[in-house]
């Protein structure tokens, strides 16, 4: 079930979302917030799969709030003002609900979110062959077997894909990306680097050669790497 939170400065709107989520059977609405800053703080500690966001809030707009979200989180915007719809869709929102909306319209939106979620999340039986990340306001589909290495840069990651000139830059943590990758195929070798075992060309003096790059092995990752690499 999709984990979600809702942020709206109008309490009646939050009650409607709670009721509709429970009725749909698709959404596990974990928290609701009438104060956007509190919702954002919660989200940083407890990432969600989906956000229900009101756009027109007094302290910060839902659009600005969503831009500050670090995780790859789906969003369904809602507002009473139709002029905000275009900007919402420019952020690759799952859907845009114009208040007041019916349960049928809400169900249509969360069904879209559920379809995306089922595509992104790997099943227990079959490790997913593709990874979806948000880059340039779009969801980019990457074949996991094509990933060579991943470099962490503050709040962003650079994903290097074979046969591709430029790295894909996405807002995601190293911990977050590791949770999406097959543990038997990828290993973190440095606080700033994750590499694909299959793409390693050589290892010499704690330096990994991979795709024309030299990646250092961090002291705290050295033992785990060589234990697995020798096997």
C-alpha atoms as a PDB file:
ATOM      1  CA  UNK A   1       0.000   0.000   0.000  1.00  0.00           C
ATOM      2  CA  UNK A   2       1.219   3.523  -0.820  1.00  0.00           C
ATOM      3  CA  UNK A   3       2.479   5.491   2.200  1.00  0.00           C
ATOM      4  CA  UNK A   4       1.224   9.073   2.032  1.00  0.00           C
ATOM      5  CA  UNK A   5       0.953  12.311   3.960  1.00  0.00           C
ATOM      6  CA  UNK A   6      -1.369  15.249   3.312  1.00  0.00           C
ATOM      7  CA  UNK A   7      -0.589  18.939   3.775  1.00  0.00           C
ATOM      8  CA  UNK A   8      -3.384  21.496   3.594  1.00  0.00           C
ATOM      9  CA  UNK A   9      -4.029  24.589   5.716  1.00  0.00           C
ATOM     10  CA  UNK A  10      -7.783  23.825   5.674  1.00  0.00           C
ATOM     11  CA  UNK A  11      -8.782  21.165   8.221  1.00  0.00           C
ATOM     12  CA  UNK A  12     -12.016  20.164   6.379  1.00  0.00           C
ATOM     13  CA  UNK A  13      -9.928  19.399   3.283  1.00  0.00           C
ATOM     14  CA  UNK A  14      -7.677  17.099   5.330  1.00  0.00           C
ATOM     15  CA  UNK A  15     -10.735  15.287   6.697  1.00  0.00           C
ATOM     16  CA  UNK A  16     -11.967  14.662   3.158  1.00  0.00           C
ATOM     17  CA  UNK A  17      -8.594  13.264   2.119  1.00  0.00           C
ATOM     18  CA  UNK A  18      -8.547  10.989   5.186  1.00  0.00           C
ATOM     19  CA  UNK A  19     -12.013   9.664   4.373  1.00  0.00           C
ATOM     20  CA  UNK A  20     -11.298   9.164   0.664  1.00  0.00           C
ATOM     21  CA  UNK A  21      -7.946   7.418   1.338  1.00  0.00           C
ATOM     22  CA  UNK A  22      -9.579   4.959   3.703  1.00  0.00           C
ATOM     23  CA  UNK A  23     -12.393   4.330   1.246  1.00  0.00           C
ATOM     24  CA  UNK A  24     -10.023   3.719  -1.698  1.00  0.00           C
ATOM     25  CA  UNK A  25      -8.039   0.935  -0.027  1.00  0.00           C
ATOM     26  CA  UNK A  26      -4.963   2.052  -1.986  1.00  0.00           C
ATOM     27  CA  UNK A  27      -3.469   4.651   0.339  1.00  0.00           C
ATOM     28  CA  UNK A  28      -1.989   4.369   3.821  1.00  0.00           C
ATOM     29  CA  UNK A  29      -2.364   7.979   4.965  1.00  0.00           C
ATOM     30  CA  UNK A  30       0.117   8.160   7.806  1.00  0.00           C
ATOM     31  CA  UNK A  31      -0.118  11.825   8.799  1.00  0.00           C
ATOM     32  CA  UNK A  32      -1.938  15.050   7.957  1.00  0.00           C
ATOM     33  CA  UNK A  33      -0.592  18.548   8.524  1.00  0.00           C
ATOM     34  CA  UNK A  34      -2.292  21.929   8.513  1.00  0.00           C
ATOM     35  CA  UNK A  35       1.097  23.655   8.913  1.00  0.00           C
ATOM     36  CA  UNK A  36       3.328  23.126   5.844  1.00  0.00           C
ATOM     37  CA  UNK A  37       6.620  23.552   7.736  1.00  0.00           C
ATOM     38  CA  UNK A  38       5.691  20.749  10.122  1.00  0.00           C
ATOM     39  CA  UNK A  39       4.790  18.498   7.211  1.00  0.00           C
ATOM     40  CA  UNK A  40       8.137  19.170   5.538  1.00  0.00           C
ATOM     41  CA  UNK A  41      10.062  18.429   8.748  1.00  0.00           C
ATOM     42  CA  UNK A  42       8.190  15.132   9.135  1.00  0.00           C
ATOM     43  CA  UNK A  43       8.857  14.191   5.531  1.00  0.00           C
ATOM     44  CA  UNK A  44      12.610  14.660   5.938  1.00  0.00           C
ATOM     45  CA  UNK A  45      12.621  12.131   8.782  1.00  0.00           C
ATOM     46  CA  UNK A  46       9.972   9.776   7.444  1.00  0.00           C
ATOM     47  CA  UNK A  47       9.912   9.680   3.614  1.00  0.00           C
ATOM     48  CA  UNK A  48       6.557   9.004   1.978  1.00  0.00           C
ATOM     49  CA  UNK A  49       5.645   7.555  -1.404  1.00  0.00           C
ATOM     50  CA  UNK A  50       2.973  10.170  -2.107  1.00  0.00           C
ATOM     51  CA  UNK A  51       2.096  13.715  -1.045  1.00  0.00           C
ATOM     52  CA  UNK A  52      -1.321  15.316  -1.161  1.00  0.00           C
ATOM     53  CA  UNK A  53      -0.465  19.006  -1.365  1.00  0.00           C
ATOM     54  CA  UNK A  54      -2.664  22.073  -1.366  1.00  0.00           C
ATOM     55  CA  UNK A  55      -1.118  24.728  -3.585  1.00  0.00           C
ATOM     56  CA  UNK A  56      -2.541  27.936  -2.162  1.00  0.00           C
ATOM     57  CA  UNK A  57      -1.280  28.089   1.445  1.00  0.00           C
ATOM     58  CA  UNK A  58      -0.372  31.306   3.293  1.00  0.00           C
ATOM     59  CA  UNK A  59       3.150  30.512   4.550  1.00  0.00           C
ATOM     60  CA  UNK A  60       4.464  28.606   1.517  1.00  0.00           C
ATOM     61  CA  UNK A  61       2.826  27.374  -1.669  1.00  0.00           C
ATOM     62  CA  UNK A  62       2.513  23.666  -2.243  1.00  0.00           C
ATOM     63  CA  UNK A  63       4.584  24.035  -5.401  1.00  0.00           C
ATOM     64  CA  UNK A  64       7.479  25.667  -3.545  1.00  0.00           C
ATOM     65  CA  UNK A  65       7.229  23.066  -0.799  1.00  0.00           C
ATOM     66  CA  UNK A  66       7.376  20.217  -3.302  1.00  0.00           C
ATOM     67  CA  UNK A  67      10.447  21.718  -4.962  1.00  0.00           C
ATOM     68  CA  UNK A  68      12.230  21.516  -1.608  1.00  0.00           C
ATOM     69  CA  UNK A  69      11.441  17.831  -1.066  1.00  0.00           C
ATOM     70  CA  UNK A  70      14.676  15.814  -1.247  1.00  0.00           C
ATOM     71  CA  UNK A  71      13.179  12.382  -1.921  1.00  0.00           C
ATOM     72  CA  UNK A  72      11.654  11.103  -5.138  1.00  0.00           C
ATOM     73  CA  UNK A  73       8.091  11.453  -3.899  1.00  0.00           C
ATOM     74  CA  UNK A  74       4.954  11.434  -6.049  1.00  0.00           C
ATOM     75  CA  UNK A  75       2.586  14.374  -5.605  1.00  0.00           C
ATOM     76  CA  UNK A  76      -1.090  15.058  -6.160  1.00  0.00           C
ATOM     77  CA  UNK A  77      -1.807  18.783  -6.004  1.00  0.00           C
ATOM     78  CA  UNK A  78      -5.145  20.271  -5.003  1.00  0.00           C
ATOM     79  CA  UNK A  79      -6.482  23.829  -4.967  1.00  0.00           C
ATOM     80  CA  UNK A  80      -9.592  25.867  -5.561  1.00  0.00           C
ATOM     81  CA  UNK A  81      -7.795  27.923  -8.215  1.00  0.00           C
ATOM     82  CA  UNK A  82      -7.513  26.406 -11.682  1.00  0.00           C
ATOM     83  CA  UNK A  83      -4.776  28.822 -12.814  1.00  0.00           C
ATOM     84  CA  UNK A  84      -2.220  26.820 -10.818  1.00  0.00           C
ATOM     85  CA  UNK A  85      -2.797  23.625 -12.797  1.00  0.00           C
ATOM     86  CA  UNK A  86      -0.201  24.230 -15.513  1.00  0.00           C
ATOM     87  CA  UNK A  87       2.630  24.820 -13.055  1.00  0.00           C
ATOM     88  CA  UNK A  88       1.602  21.726 -11.124  1.00  0.00           C
ATOM     89  CA  UNK A  89       1.830  19.541 -14.207  1.00  0.00           C
ATOM     90  CA  UNK A  90       5.183  21.121 -15.134  1.00  0.00           C
ATOM     91  CA  UNK A  91       6.513  19.532 -11.953  1.00  0.00           C
ATOM     92  CA  UNK A  92       5.405  16.147 -13.264  1.00  0.00           C
ATOM     93  CA  UNK A  93       2.610  15.830 -10.729  1.00  0.00           C
ATOM     94  CA  UNK A  94       0.642  12.591 -10.784  1.00  0.00           C
ATOM     95  CA  UNK A  95      -2.580  14.589 -10.952  1.00  0.00           C
ATOM     96  CA  UNK A  96      -4.222  17.890 -10.061  1.00  0.00           C
ATOM     97  CA  UNK A  97      -7.487  18.007  -8.132  1.00  0.00           C
ATOM     98  CA  UNK A  98      -9.670  21.095  -8.398  1.00  0.00           C
ATOM     99  CA  UNK A  99     -11.653  21.685  -5.195  1.00  0.00           C
ATOM    100  CA  UNK A 100     -14.294  20.657  -4.460  1.00  0.00           C
ATOM    101  CA  UNK A 101     -13.666  17.239  -6.004  1.00  0.00           C
ATOM    102  CA  UNK A 102     -15.710  14.046  -5.854  1.00  0.00           C
ATOM    103  CA  UNK A 103     -14.574  10.674  -4.563  1.00  0.00           C
ATOM    104  CA  UNK A 104     -14.639   9.366  -8.151  1.00  0.00           C
ATOM    105  CA  UNK A 105     -12.191  12.073  -9.225  1.00  0.00           C
ATOM    106  CA  UNK A 106      -9.993  11.375  -6.199  1.00  0.00           C
ATOM    107  CA  UNK A 107      -9.991   7.653  -6.986  1.00  0.00           C
ATOM    108  CA  UNK A 108      -8.905   8.391 -10.544  1.00  0.00           C
ATOM    109  CA  UNK A 109      -5.905  10.342  -9.206  1.00  0.00           C
ATOM    110  CA  UNK A 110      -4.785   7.750  -6.658  1.00  0.00           C
ATOM    111  CA  UNK A 111      -5.195   4.959  -9.212  1.00  0.00           C
ATOM    112  CA  UNK A 112      -2.652   6.784 -11.394  1.00  0.00           C
ATOM    113  CA  UNK A 113      -0.337   7.010  -8.378  1.00  0.00           C
ATOM    114  CA  UNK A 114      -0.815   3.309  -7.685  1.00  0.00           C
ATOM    115  CA  UNK A 115       0.089   2.413 -11.286  1.00  0.00           C
ATOM    116  CA  UNK A 116       3.317   4.425 -11.008  1.00  0.00           C
ATOM    117  CA  UNK A 117       4.091   2.952  -7.597  1.00  0.00           C
ATOM    118  CA  UNK A 118       3.698  -0.616  -8.866  1.00  0.00           C
ATOM    119  CA  UNK A 119       6.089   0.168 -11.702  1.00  0.00           C
ATOM    120  CA  UNK A 120       8.745   1.679  -9.462  1.00  0.00           C
ATOM    121  CA  UNK A 121       8.657  -0.622  -6.437  1.00  0.00           C
ATOM    122  CA  UNK A 122      10.300  -4.046  -6.949  1.00  0.00           C
ATOM    123  CA  UNK A 123       8.309  -7.155  -6.149  1.00  0.00           C
ATOM    124  CA  UNK A 124       9.567  -9.646  -3.589  1.00  0.00           C
ATOM    125  CA  UNK A 125       9.931 -12.371  -6.211  1.00  0.00           C
ATOM    126  CA  UNK A 126      11.543 -10.401  -9.007  1.00  0.00           C
ATOM    127  CA  UNK A 127      14.071  -7.652  -8.441  1.00  0.00           C
ATOM    128  CA  UNK A 128      13.062  -4.830 -10.731  1.00  0.00           C
ATOM    129  CA  UNK A 129      15.124  -4.432 -13.874  1.00  0.00           C
ATOM    130  CA  UNK A 130      14.594  -0.689 -14.028  1.00  0.00           C
ATOM    131  CA  UNK A 131      15.019   2.273 -11.735  1.00  0.00           C
ATOM    132  CA  UNK A 132      12.949   5.446 -11.974  1.00  0.00           C
ATOM    133  CA  UNK A 133      14.457   8.725 -10.783  1.00  0.00           C
ATOM    134  CA  UNK A 134      13.280  12.312 -11.021  1.00  0.00           C
ATOM    135  CA  UNK A 135      15.490  14.530 -13.197  1.00  0.00           C
ATOM    136  CA  UNK A 136      14.658  17.735 -15.086  1.00  0.00           C
ATOM    137  CA  UNK A 137      11.068  17.602 -13.790  1.00  0.00           C
ATOM    138  CA  UNK A 138      10.539  14.151 -15.329  1.00  0.00           C
ATOM    139  CA  UNK A 139      10.689  10.539 -14.221  1.00  0.00           C
ATOM    140  CA  UNK A 140      13.659   8.951 -15.991  1.00  0.00           C
ATOM    141  CA  UNK A 141      13.701   5.185 -16.567  1.00  0.00           C
ATOM    142  CA  UNK A 142      17.165   3.641 -16.151  1.00  0.00           C
ATOM    143  CA  UNK A 143      18.061   0.011 -16.794  1.00  0.00           C
ATOM    144  CA  UNK A 144      19.781  -1.198 -13.608  1.00  0.00           C
ATOM    145  CA  UNK A 145      22.204  -3.328 -15.621  1.00  0.00           C
ATOM    146  CA  UNK A 146      23.407  -0.186 -17.402  1.00  0.00           C
ATOM    147  CA  UNK A 147      24.386   1.667 -14.218  1.00  0.00           C
ATOM    148  CA  UNK A 148      28.173   1.857 -13.849  1.00  0.00           C
ATOM    149  CA  UNK A 149      28.610   3.968 -10.743  1.00  0.00           C
ATOM    150  CA  UNK A 150      26.869   6.586  -8.636  1.00  0.00           C
ATOM    151  CA  UNK A 151      28.486   9.673  -7.164  1.00  0.00           C
ATOM    152  CA  UNK A 152      27.055  11.607  -4.230  1.00  0.00           C
ATOM    153  CA  UNK A 153      27.194  15.413  -4.325  1.00  0.00           C
ATOM    154  CA  UNK A 154      25.616  17.059  -1.271  1.00  0.00           C
ATOM    155  CA  UNK A 155      21.853  16.674  -1.818  1.00  0.00           C
ATOM    156  CA  UNK A 156      22.201  15.238  -5.327  1.00  0.00           C
ATOM    157  CA  UNK A 157      23.442  12.101  -7.041  1.00  0.00           C
ATOM    158  CA  UNK A 158      25.150  11.673 -10.396  1.00  0.00           C
ATOM    159  CA  UNK A 159      24.238   8.345 -11.975  1.00  0.00           C
ATOM    160  CA  UNK A 160      26.699   7.215 -14.641  1.00  0.00           C
ATOM    161  CA  UNK A 161      25.141   4.938 -17.234  1.00  0.00           C
ATOM    162  CA  UNK A 162      27.123   2.997 -19.822  1.00  0.00           C
ATOM    163  CA  UNK A 163      26.997   4.215 -23.428  1.00  0.00           C
ATOM    164  CA  UNK A 164      25.716   7.593 -22.196  1.00  0.00           C
ATOM    165  CA  UNK A 165      27.872  10.717 -22.358  1.00  0.00           C
ATOM    166  CA  UNK A 166      26.324  12.748 -19.553  1.00  0.00           C
ATOM    167  CA  UNK A 167      25.491  11.550 -16.036  1.00  0.00           C
ATOM    168  CA  UNK A 168      21.887  11.726 -14.834  1.00  0.00           C
ATOM    169  CA  UNK A 169      21.575  14.164 -11.932  1.00  0.00           C
ATOM    170  CA  UNK A 170      18.796  13.500  -9.426  1.00  0.00           C
ATOM    171  CA  UNK A 171      17.870  14.677  -5.946  1.00  0.00           C
ATOM    172  CA  UNK A 172      18.245  11.567  -3.820  1.00  0.00           C
ATOM    173  CA  UNK A 173      20.400  10.334  -0.939  1.00  0.00           C
ATOM    174  CA  UNK A 174      23.022   7.598  -1.137  1.00  0.00           C
ATOM    175  CA  UNK A 175      21.008   5.581   1.381  1.00  0.00           C
ATOM    176  CA  UNK A 176      17.856   6.053  -0.677  1.00  0.00           C
ATOM    177  CA  UNK A 177      19.431   4.850  -3.934  1.00  0.00           C
ATOM    178  CA  UNK A 178      21.033   1.818  -2.226  1.00  0.00           C
ATOM    179  CA  UNK A 179      17.597   0.702  -1.079  1.00  0.00           C
ATOM    180  CA  UNK A 180      16.484   0.615  -4.712  1.00  0.00           C
ATOM    181  CA  UNK A 181      19.478  -1.333  -6.063  1.00  0.00           C
ATOM    182  CA  UNK A 182      20.134  -5.107  -5.926  1.00  0.00           C
ATOM    183  CA  UNK A 183      22.527  -5.626  -2.985  1.00  0.00           C
ATOM    184  CA  UNK A 184      24.347  -8.435  -4.775  1.00  0.00           C
ATOM    185  CA  UNK A 185      25.222  -6.217  -7.729  1.00  0.00           C
ATOM    186  CA  UNK A 186      26.088  -2.859  -6.142  1.00  0.00           C
ATOM    187  CA  UNK A 187      28.242  -1.849  -3.191  1.00  0.00           C
ATOM    188  CA  UNK A 188      29.058   1.425  -1.531  1.00  0.00           C
ATOM    189  CA  UNK A 189      32.860   1.812  -1.488  1.00  0.00           C
ATOM    190  CA  UNK A 190      33.123   5.394  -0.257  1.00  0.00           C
ATOM    191  CA  UNK A 191      30.827   7.938   1.372  1.00  0.00           C
ATOM    192  CA  UNK A 192      30.533   9.487  -2.107  1.00  0.00           C
ATOM    193  CA  UNK A 193      30.590   6.441  -4.406  1.00  0.00           C
ATOM    194  CA  UNK A 194      28.545   3.327  -5.212  1.00  0.00           C
ATOM    195  CA  UNK A 195      29.859   0.964  -7.892  1.00  0.00           C
ATOM    196  CA  UNK A 196      28.527  -1.935  -9.925  1.00  0.00           C
ATOM    197  CA  UNK A 197      30.517  -5.114  -9.256  1.00  0.00           C
ATOM    198  CA  UNK A 198      30.089  -6.263 -12.840  1.00  0.00           C
ATOM    199  CA  UNK A 199      31.592  -3.055 -14.239  1.00  0.00           C
ATOM    200  CA  UNK A 200      34.788  -3.060 -12.124  1.00  0.00           C
ATOM    201  CA  UNK A 201      37.847  -3.346 -14.378  1.00  0.00           C
ATOM    202  CA  UNK A 202      40.566  -3.630 -11.740  1.00  0.00           C
ATOM    203  CA  UNK A 203      41.453  -2.880  -8.117  1.00  0.00           C
ATOM    204  CA  UNK A 204      44.949  -1.701  -7.203  1.00  0.00           C
ATOM    205  CA  UNK A 205      46.150  -0.085  -3.990  1.00  0.00           C
ATOM    206  CA  UNK A 206      42.613   0.613  -2.781  1.00  0.00           C
ATOM    207  CA  UNK A 207      41.716   2.305  -6.072  1.00  0.00           C
ATOM    208  CA  UNK A 208      38.944   0.928  -8.282  1.00  0.00           C
ATOM    209  CA  UNK A 209      39.198   1.403 -12.032  1.00  0.00           C
ATOM    210  CA  UNK A 210      35.768   1.554 -13.601  1.00  0.00           C
ATOM    211  CA  UNK A 211      34.575   3.089 -16.879  1.00  0.00           C
ATOM    212  CA  UNK A 212      37.749   5.136 -17.250  1.00  0.00           C
ATOM    213  CA  UNK A 213      37.478   6.550 -13.720  1.00  0.00           C
ATOM    214  CA  UNK A 214      39.490   5.880 -10.568  1.00  0.00           C
ATOM    215  CA  UNK A 215      37.372   5.532  -7.432  1.00  0.00           C
ATOM    216  CA  UNK A 216      38.979   5.457  -3.951  1.00  0.00           C
ATOM    217  CA  UNK A 217      37.882   2.866  -1.405  1.00  0.00           C
ATOM    218  CA  UNK A 218      37.030   4.559   1.881  1.00  0.00           C
ATOM    219  CA  UNK A 219      38.551   3.245   5.095  1.00  0.00           C
ATOM    220  CA  UNK A 220      35.177   2.441   6.675  1.00  0.00           C
ATOM    221  CA  UNK A 221      34.065   0.519   3.544  1.00  0.00           C
ATOM    222  CA  UNK A 222      37.340  -1.310   2.871  1.00  0.00           C
ATOM    223  CA  UNK A 223      36.733  -4.500   4.859  1.00  0.00           C
ATOM    224  CA  UNK A 224      33.263  -5.161   3.440  1.00  0.00           C
ATOM    225  CA  UNK A 225      34.371  -4.459  -0.108  1.00  0.00           C
ATOM    226  CA  UNK A 226      37.384  -6.785  -0.130  1.00  0.00           C
ATOM    227  CA  UNK A 227      35.481  -9.528   1.693  1.00  0.00           C
ATOM    228  CA  UNK A 228      32.845  -9.554  -1.057  1.00  0.00           C
ATOM    229  CA  UNK A 229      35.260  -8.824  -3.913  1.00  0.00           C
ATOM    230  CA  UNK A 230      37.482 -11.812  -3.090  1.00  0.00           C
ATOM    231  CA  UNK A 231      34.464 -14.099  -3.206  1.00  0.00           C
END
